[in-house]
């Protein structure tokens, strides 16, 4: 019943009033509507030709601040308004003070909390959920962008890593090919060197002793210890100034070594028995052509019989001579390097004798024992 009376009272206050001039009346309180989560109250007073003051007070008698006083000059209406918030006491009074007559009138009103605009209890939850949803959407967009950037960076990093791997693989393949080529070349050189040394050792295993024949030499040559020879003149002698060994061979394999040292010229090889007989006879100024095979060294170059040059061979100090009737070759070796200088086909028949021509540089040339 009390709530119904309050509703009726509020309805009456909110209803429209037509103010008229006349004698003083008590202030009229009107509910002007909802505003800023509260209820706006207006206070009206009709005072003719009077100066009035409007004061608002709450239920505790404390002054409240209302809107500035307005006065209608045609009707002498004085009015003021205030916004009553929920929880502010719900009770408010409007007092009209007449400064000329020194009188005051007052009206009060009490508004139940039920009439204030209420906020739904779900509104806060909805706002929280809405804000949380917005935050989650923003976070999701940020995460997606970040993931996209990370994916792009990871993709770029992966591409760069793959490129580096491909480059390293290519370099590794090139290095592998180079290593294989070098290894093959090295194996070929080693194989060639081993083969050359093996051939040299096989030839050297057929070593024989050689003795220079005092009876088969040119008159300008000097023989010492039966194994060393030197020219007594430094002038070129024609025909060849040579000495022939006492030993002759017509079969199998035979090897001997000659120390040439740093001589500037020399010639080594084999001659047929006809030349040997020519040297031992009184007529030793001519040699039949084509009856010797030799290797000649002069002016830093090697030359075979017939003027054939031997290239890419450095000067050596000891020369090995290998006479092989089985294979039909005459070979010359660099003993220090254990490698072949050159071979000649053995085109002579019959007994063949080693010969030695020391040249005219005045230095010794000697046959040395072979140590295998």
Protein backbone atom coordinates (compact mmCIF):
# COMPACT_ATOMS: atom_id res chain seq x y z
CA UNK A 1 0.00 0.00 0.00
CA UNK A 2 2.93 2.35 0.80
CA UNK A 3 4.61 1.71 -2.55
CA UNK A 4 1.36 2.32 -4.38
CA UNK A 5 0.93 5.64 -2.58
CA UNK A 6 4.51 6.64 -3.50
CA UNK A 7 3.86 5.76 -7.13
CA UNK A 8 0.66 7.82 -7.14
CA UNK A 9 2.47 10.69 -5.41
CA UNK A 10 5.32 10.62 -7.92
CA UNK A 11 2.82 10.43 -10.79
CA UNK A 12 1.04 13.49 -9.44
CA UNK A 13 4.31 15.38 -9.10
CA UNK A 14 5.43 14.52 -12.61
CA UNK A 15 2.12 15.58 -14.08
CA UNK A 16 1.96 18.91 -15.95
CA UNK A 17 1.36 22.12 -13.91
CA UNK A 18 0.25 25.48 -15.19
CA UNK A 19 1.64 28.16 -12.93
CA UNK A 20 -0.36 31.36 -12.39
CA UNK A 21 0.46 34.65 -10.75
CA UNK A 22 -0.96 35.39 -7.36
CA UNK A 23 0.02 35.31 -3.76
CA UNK A 24 2.84 33.13 -2.53
CA UNK A 25 2.57 29.36 -2.73
CA UNK A 26 4.65 26.51 -1.41
CA UNK A 27 7.35 25.39 -3.85
CA UNK A 28 6.21 22.85 -6.40
CA UNK A 29 8.56 19.83 -6.93
CA UNK A 30 8.38 18.14 -10.32
CA UNK A 31 10.21 14.99 -11.56
CA UNK A 32 11.56 16.18 -14.91
CA UNK A 33 12.89 12.78 -16.06
CA UNK A 34 15.89 10.49 -15.92
CA UNK A 35 19.33 11.98 -16.52
CA UNK A 36 22.92 10.83 -15.86
CA UNK A 37 21.82 7.66 -14.03
CA UNK A 38 19.61 9.79 -11.73
CA UNK A 39 16.32 11.72 -11.59
CA UNK A 40 16.20 15.43 -12.36
CA UNK A 41 13.95 17.36 -9.92
CA UNK A 42 12.66 20.87 -10.62
CA UNK A 43 11.47 23.30 -8.02
CA UNK A 44 8.98 26.04 -8.99
CA UNK A 45 7.77 29.02 -6.96
CA UNK A 46 5.44 31.87 -7.85
CA UNK A 47 6.26 35.20 -6.16
CA UNK A 48 5.07 38.49 -7.60
CA UNK A 49 7.60 41.31 -7.69
CA UNK A 50 9.74 39.63 -5.11
CA UNK A 51 13.39 38.73 -4.83
CA UNK A 52 13.63 35.11 -3.88
CA UNK A 53 16.42 32.56 -3.26
CA UNK A 54 16.09 28.82 -3.86
CA UNK A 55 18.00 26.41 -1.61
CA UNK A 56 18.25 22.62 -1.91
CA UNK A 57 18.95 20.41 1.11
CA UNK A 58 19.22 16.65 1.57
CA UNK A 59 17.67 14.52 4.30
CA UNK A 60 20.51 15.46 6.67
CA UNK A 61 19.96 19.20 6.11
CA UNK A 62 23.16 19.63 4.08
CA UNK A 63 23.01 22.06 1.20
CA UNK A 64 22.99 20.68 -2.33
CA UNK A 65 24.10 22.49 -5.42
CA UNK A 66 21.33 23.04 -7.94
CA UNK A 67 21.18 24.80 -11.26
CA UNK A 68 21.46 28.61 -11.27
CA UNK A 69 18.29 30.48 -10.32
CA UNK A 70 16.12 31.52 -13.26
CA UNK A 71 13.33 34.07 -13.10
CA UNK A 72 10.59 34.53 -15.62
CA UNK A 73 10.02 38.32 -15.77
CA UNK A 74 6.49 37.95 -17.14
CA UNK A 75 5.16 35.63 -14.44
CA UNK A 76 7.74 36.19 -11.69
CA UNK A 77 8.37 32.41 -11.59
CA UNK A 78 11.51 31.27 -9.80
CA UNK A 79 12.84 27.80 -10.59
CA UNK A 80 15.84 25.57 -9.93
CA UNK A 81 16.70 21.95 -10.66
CA UNK A 82 18.92 19.22 -9.27
CA UNK A 83 19.83 15.65 -10.23
CA UNK A 84 19.17 13.17 -7.45
CA UNK A 85 21.46 10.13 -7.62
CA UNK A 86 20.65 6.75 -6.13
CA UNK A 87 22.17 6.30 -2.70
CA UNK A 88 22.21 10.06 -2.02
CA UNK A 89 19.58 9.80 0.67
CA UNK A 90 16.51 9.75 -1.61
CA UNK A 91 15.08 12.63 0.41
CA UNK A 92 15.46 16.22 -0.82
CA UNK A 93 13.87 19.56 0.10
CA UNK A 94 13.45 22.78 -1.86
CA UNK A 95 13.25 25.99 0.16
CA UNK A 96 12.15 29.36 -1.23
CA UNK A 97 13.44 32.38 0.69
CA UNK A 98 11.82 35.80 0.05
CA UNK A 99 14.42 38.44 0.75
CA UNK A 100 11.92 41.33 0.71
CA UNK A 101 9.24 39.81 2.87
CA UNK A 102 11.78 37.83 4.83
CA UNK A 103 9.68 34.71 4.62
CA UNK A 104 10.41 31.15 3.39
CA UNK A 105 8.42 28.18 2.19
CA UNK A 106 9.65 24.60 1.74
CA UNK A 107 8.60 21.39 -0.01
CA UNK A 108 10.12 17.93 0.36
CA UNK A 109 9.96 14.69 -1.55
CA UNK A 110 11.12 11.13 -0.87
CA UNK A 111 11.81 8.83 -3.86
CA UNK A 112 12.16 5.07 -3.36
CA UNK A 113 15.23 3.32 -4.88
CA UNK A 114 12.92 1.35 -7.13
CA UNK A 115 12.26 4.49 -9.18
CA UNK A 116 15.94 5.17 -9.96
CA UNK A 117 17.26 3.81 -13.26
CA UNK A 118 18.70 0.44 -12.37
CA UNK A 119 21.67 -1.14 -14.08
CA UNK A 120 21.16 -4.78 -15.04
CA UNK A 121 23.41 -7.11 -12.98
CA UNK A 122 24.37 -8.78 -16.24
CA UNK A 123 25.58 -5.51 -17.76
CA UNK A 124 28.89 -5.58 -15.95
CA UNK A 125 29.41 -9.22 -16.90
CA UNK A 126 28.44 -8.40 -20.47
CA UNK A 127 30.87 -5.47 -20.55
CA UNK A 128 33.61 -7.66 -19.06
CA UNK A 129 32.89 -10.41 -21.57
CA UNK A 130 32.76 -7.86 -24.37
CA UNK A 131 36.05 -6.31 -23.32
CA UNK A 132 37.55 -9.78 -22.89
CA UNK A 133 36.27 -10.73 -26.34
CA UNK A 134 37.75 -7.57 -27.86
CA UNK A 135 41.02 -8.25 -26.04
CA UNK A 136 41.04 -11.84 -27.28
CA UNK A 137 40.34 -10.71 -30.83
CA UNK A 138 43.12 -8.13 -30.63
CA UNK A 139 45.43 -10.72 -29.06
CA UNK A 140 44.51 -13.23 -31.76
CA UNK A 141 45.18 -10.69 -34.53
CA UNK A 142 48.48 -9.74 -32.89
CA UNK A 143 49.39 -13.42 -32.50
CA UNK A 144 48.48 -14.14 -36.11
CA UNK A 145 50.55 -11.20 -37.33
CA UNK A 146 53.41 -12.19 -35.09
CA UNK A 147 53.17 -15.80 -36.23
CA UNK A 148 53.01 -14.60 -39.82
CA UNK A 149 56.13 -12.50 -39.32
CA UNK A 150 57.83 -15.35 -37.48
CA UNK A 151 56.78 -17.76 -40.25
CA UNK A 152 58.16 -15.38 -42.87
CA UNK A 153 61.40 -14.95 -40.92
CA UNK A 154 61.64 -18.70 -40.36
CA UNK A 155 60.95 -19.32 -44.03
CA UNK A 156 63.60 -16.79 -45.06
CA UNK A 157 66.03 -18.26 -42.52
CA UNK A 158 65.25 -21.76 -43.79
CA UNK A 159 65.80 -20.65 -47.39
CA UNK A 160 69.10 -18.99 -46.46
CA UNK A 161 70.11 -22.12 -44.52
CA UNK A 162 69.18 -24.31 -47.47
CA UNK A 163 71.15 -22.03 -49.79
CA UNK A 164 74.17 -22.27 -47.49
CA UNK A 165 73.76 -26.06 -47.39
CA UNK A 166 73.55 -26.18 -51.19
CA UNK A 167 76.62 -23.94 -51.50
CA UNK A 168 78.53 -26.09 -49.01
CA UNK A 169 77.42 -29.21 -50.83
CA UNK A 170 78.56 -27.74 -54.13
CA UNK A 171 81.90 -26.74 -52.61
CA UNK A 172 82.18 -30.20 -51.07
CA UNK A 173 81.49 -31.82 -54.44
CA UNK A 174 84.07 -29.57 -56.11
CA UNK A 175 86.56 -30.34 -53.35
CA UNK A 176 85.77 -34.03 -53.67
CA UNK A 177 86.30 -33.93 -57.45
CA UNK A 178 89.52 -31.99 -57.01
CA UNK A 179 90.71 -34.43 -54.34
CA UNK A 180 89.84 -37.42 -56.52
CA UNK A 181 91.66 -35.88 -59.47
CA UNK A 182 94.69 -35.05 -57.35
CA UNK A 183 94.54 -38.52 -55.83
CA UNK A 184 94.37 -40.11 -59.26
CA UNK A 185 97.22 -37.93 -60.49
CA UNK A 186 99.23 -38.75 -57.40
CA UNK A 187 98.51 -42.45 -57.77
CA UNK A 188 99.46 -42.23 -61.43
CA UNK A 189 102.71 -40.44 -60.54
CA UNK A 190 103.38 -42.89 -57.74
CA UNK A 191 102.58 -45.77 -60.03
CA UNK A 192 104.81 -44.30 -62.70
CA UNK A 193 107.61 -43.68 -60.20
CA UNK A 194 107.24 -47.17 -58.73
CA UNK A 195 107.24 -48.69 -62.18
CA UNK A 196 110.30 -46.65 -63.16
CA UNK A 197 112.14 -47.61 -59.98
CA UNK A 198 111.11 -51.24 -60.45
CA UNK A 199 112.47 -51.22 -64.00
CA UNK A 200 115.65 -49.56 -62.73
CA UNK A 201 116.08 -52.18 -59.98
CA UNK A 202 115.52 -54.97 -62.48
CA UNK A 203 118.12 -53.50 -64.79
CA UNK A 204 120.57 -52.93 -61.94
CA UNK A 205 120.24 -56.56 -60.87
CA UNK A 206 122.13 -57.49 -64.07
CA UNK A 207 125.28 -55.53 -63.09
CA UNK A 208 128.61 -56.61 -64.56
CA UNK A 209 132.20 -55.47 -64.06
CA UNK A 210 133.67 -53.32 -66.83
CA UNK A 211 137.41 -52.83 -67.49
CA UNK A 212 138.79 -50.22 -69.88
CA UNK A 213 141.07 -51.66 -72.60
CA UNK A 214 144.36 -49.79 -72.94
CA UNK A 215 144.79 -51.30 -76.43
CA UNK A 216 141.44 -49.99 -77.68
CA UNK A 217 141.55 -46.27 -77.07
CA UNK A 218 142.29 -43.05 -78.86
CA UNK A 219 145.90 -41.83 -78.42
CA UNK A 220 144.73 -38.54 -76.83
CA UNK A 221 142.99 -40.34 -73.97
CA UNK A 222 144.53 -41.11 -70.58
CA UNK A 223 143.37 -44.18 -68.61
CA UNK A 224 143.82 -44.51 -64.85
CA UNK A 225 143.20 -47.59 -62.70
CA UNK A 226 141.56 -49.30 -65.68
CA UNK A 227 138.26 -47.64 -64.91
CA UNK A 228 138.84 -43.90 -65.41
CA UNK A 229 139.50 -41.96 -68.60
CA UNK A 230 140.24 -38.32 -69.49
CA UNK A 231 141.28 -36.41 -72.62
CA UNK A 232 144.80 -35.02 -72.63
CA UNK A 233 143.76 -32.11 -74.84
CA UNK A 234 140.89 -29.69 -74.63
CA UNK A 235 140.54 -29.42 -78.38
CA UNK A 236 137.76 -31.25 -80.17
CA UNK A 237 139.06 -34.44 -81.71
CA UNK A 238 137.63 -36.00 -84.84
CA UNK A 239 136.79 -38.78 -85.16
CA UNK A 240 135.51 -39.51 -81.63
CA UNK A 241 138.13 -39.91 -78.94
CA UNK A 242 136.85 -43.03 -77.19
CA UNK A 243 137.97 -46.06 -75.24
CA UNK A 244 136.32 -49.49 -75.52
CA UNK A 245 135.90 -52.03 -72.70
CA UNK A 246 137.55 -55.38 -72.70
CA UNK A 247 134.24 -57.16 -72.07
CA UNK A 248 131.92 -57.86 -74.98
CA UNK A 249 128.34 -59.20 -74.91
CA UNK A 250 126.14 -60.96 -77.44
CA UNK A 251 123.25 -62.31 -75.34
CA UNK A 252 121.28 -61.95 -72.11
CA UNK A 253 121.21 -58.73 -70.02
CA UNK A 254 124.08 -56.54 -68.80
CA UNK A 255 124.20 -53.34 -66.73
CA UNK A 256 127.00 -50.95 -65.73
CA UNK A 257 127.24 -47.44 -64.25
CA UNK A 258 129.40 -44.47 -65.26
CA UNK A 259 130.30 -41.45 -63.13
CA UNK A 260 130.11 -38.33 -65.31
CA UNK A 261 130.02 -35.83 -62.43
CA UNK A 262 129.66 -32.24 -63.59
CA UNK A 263 131.34 -32.79 -66.96
CA UNK A 264 130.07 -30.49 -69.70
CA UNK A 265 130.27 -33.17 -72.38
CA UNK A 266 130.49 -36.94 -72.69
CA UNK A 267 129.17 -39.86 -74.72
CA UNK A 268 128.35 -43.43 -73.65
CA UNK A 269 127.02 -46.53 -75.40
CA UNK A 270 128.04 -49.68 -77.23
CA UNK A 271 129.97 -50.33 -80.43
CA UNK A 272 130.25 -53.37 -82.63
CA UNK A 273 133.34 -55.52 -82.77
CA UNK A 274 134.40 -53.91 -86.05
CA UNK A 275 134.97 -50.52 -84.40
CA UNK A 276 136.81 -52.10 -81.53
CA UNK A 277 139.12 -53.82 -83.99
CA UNK A 278 139.59 -50.53 -85.81
CA UNK A 279 140.74 -48.84 -82.60
CA UNK A 280 143.19 -51.63 -81.84
CA UNK A 281 144.68 -51.58 -85.36
CA UNK A 282 146.97 -49.01 -86.86
CA UNK A 283 144.20 -47.35 -88.93
CA UNK A 284 142.03 -45.70 -86.26
CA UNK A 285 141.08 -42.49 -87.90
CA UNK A 286 137.73 -43.64 -89.42
CA UNK A 287 134.65 -45.49 -88.11
CA UNK A 288 132.08 -47.41 -90.13
CA UNK A 289 128.75 -45.60 -89.98
CA UNK A 290 125.83 -47.15 -88.13
CA UNK A 291 127.94 -49.41 -85.93
CA UNK A 292 127.38 -47.72 -82.55
CA UNK A 293 124.47 -46.75 -80.27
CA UNK A 294 124.99 -43.96 -77.74
CA UNK A 295 123.69 -41.18 -75.51
CA UNK A 296 125.58 -37.90 -75.81
CA UNK A 297 125.53 -34.94 -73.40
CA UNK A 298 126.73 -31.52 -74.55
CA UNK A 299 125.78 -27.91 -73.74
CA UNK A 300 123.24 -29.10 -71.18
CA UNK A 301 121.26 -31.30 -73.59
CA UNK A 302 120.99 -35.03 -74.26
CA UNK A 303 121.11 -36.47 -77.78
CA UNK A 304 120.65 -40.06 -78.95
CA UNK A 305 122.24 -41.70 -81.94
CA UNK A 306 120.90 -40.15 -85.10
CA UNK A 307 120.49 -36.69 -83.52
CA UNK A 308 117.31 -37.51 -81.55
CA UNK A 309 116.88 -35.04 -78.66
CA UNK A 310 115.97 -36.24 -75.18
CA UNK A 311 113.68 -33.62 -73.63
CA UNK A 312 112.65 -32.84 -70.04
CA UNK A 313 115.71 -34.47 -68.51
CA UNK A 314 118.02 -32.61 -66.16
CA UNK A 315 121.79 -33.22 -66.07
CA UNK A 316 122.78 -36.22 -63.95
CA UNK A 317 126.07 -37.20 -62.31
CA UNK A 318 125.80 -41.00 -62.66
CA UNK A 319 124.46 -42.77 -65.76
CA UNK A 320 123.34 -46.41 -65.81
CA UNK A 321 123.63 -48.30 -69.12
CA UNK A 322 121.46 -51.40 -69.65
CA UNK A 323 122.10 -53.70 -72.59
CA UNK A 324 119.11 -56.07 -73.00
CA UNK A 325 119.44 -58.61 -75.79
CA UNK A 326 116.23 -60.36 -74.74
CA UNK A 327 114.05 -57.28 -75.37
CA UNK A 328 116.41 -55.82 -77.98
CA UNK A 329 116.94 -52.44 -76.29
CA UNK A 330 119.73 -50.23 -75.02
CA UNK A 331 118.54 -48.08 -72.09
CA UNK A 332 120.08 -45.20 -70.16
CA UNK A 333 119.11 -44.39 -66.54
CA UNK A 334 119.58 -41.47 -64.14
CA UNK A 335 120.97 -43.51 -61.24
CA UNK A 336 120.37 -40.84 -58.58
CA UNK A 337 116.71 -40.37 -59.57
CA UNK A 338 116.30 -44.07 -60.40
CA UNK A 339 114.46 -43.19 -63.58
CA UNK A 340 114.78 -43.92 -67.28
CA UNK A 341 116.34 -41.26 -69.51
CA UNK A 342 115.74 -42.97 -72.84
CA UNK A 343 115.87 -46.29 -74.67
CA UNK A 344 117.06 -47.21 -78.15
CA UNK A 345 116.16 -50.26 -80.24
CA UNK A 346 119.09 -52.63 -80.44
CA UNK A 347 119.77 -52.71 -84.19
CA UNK A 348 123.30 -54.16 -83.96
CA UNK A 349 124.22 -57.82 -83.97
CA UNK A 350 127.22 -59.84 -82.89
CA UNK A 351 129.46 -58.93 -79.98
CA UNK A 352 128.81 -55.44 -78.59
CA UNK A 353 131.34 -53.60 -76.41
CA UNK A 354 130.75 -50.69 -73.97
CA UNK A 355 132.53 -47.50 -75.04
CA UNK A 356 133.28 -44.23 -73.25
CA UNK A 357 134.07 -40.80 -74.72
CA UNK A 358 135.08 -38.23 -72.05
CA UNK A 359 134.99 -35.20 -74.36
CA UNK A 360 137.57 -32.44 -74.21
CA UNK A 361 136.67 -30.62 -70.97
CA UNK A 362 139.72 -32.02 -69.12
CA UNK A 363 137.68 -33.86 -66.46
CA UNK A 364 137.68 -37.55 -65.53
CA UNK A 365 134.95 -40.00 -66.56
CA UNK A 366 134.92 -43.30 -64.69
CA UNK A 367 133.24 -46.68 -64.49
CA UNK A 368 132.13 -47.42 -60.92
CA UNK A 369 131.20 -50.64 -59.17
CA UNK A 370 127.44 -51.30 -58.89
CA UNK A 371 126.03 -51.80 -55.40
CA UNK A 372 122.57 -53.37 -55.40
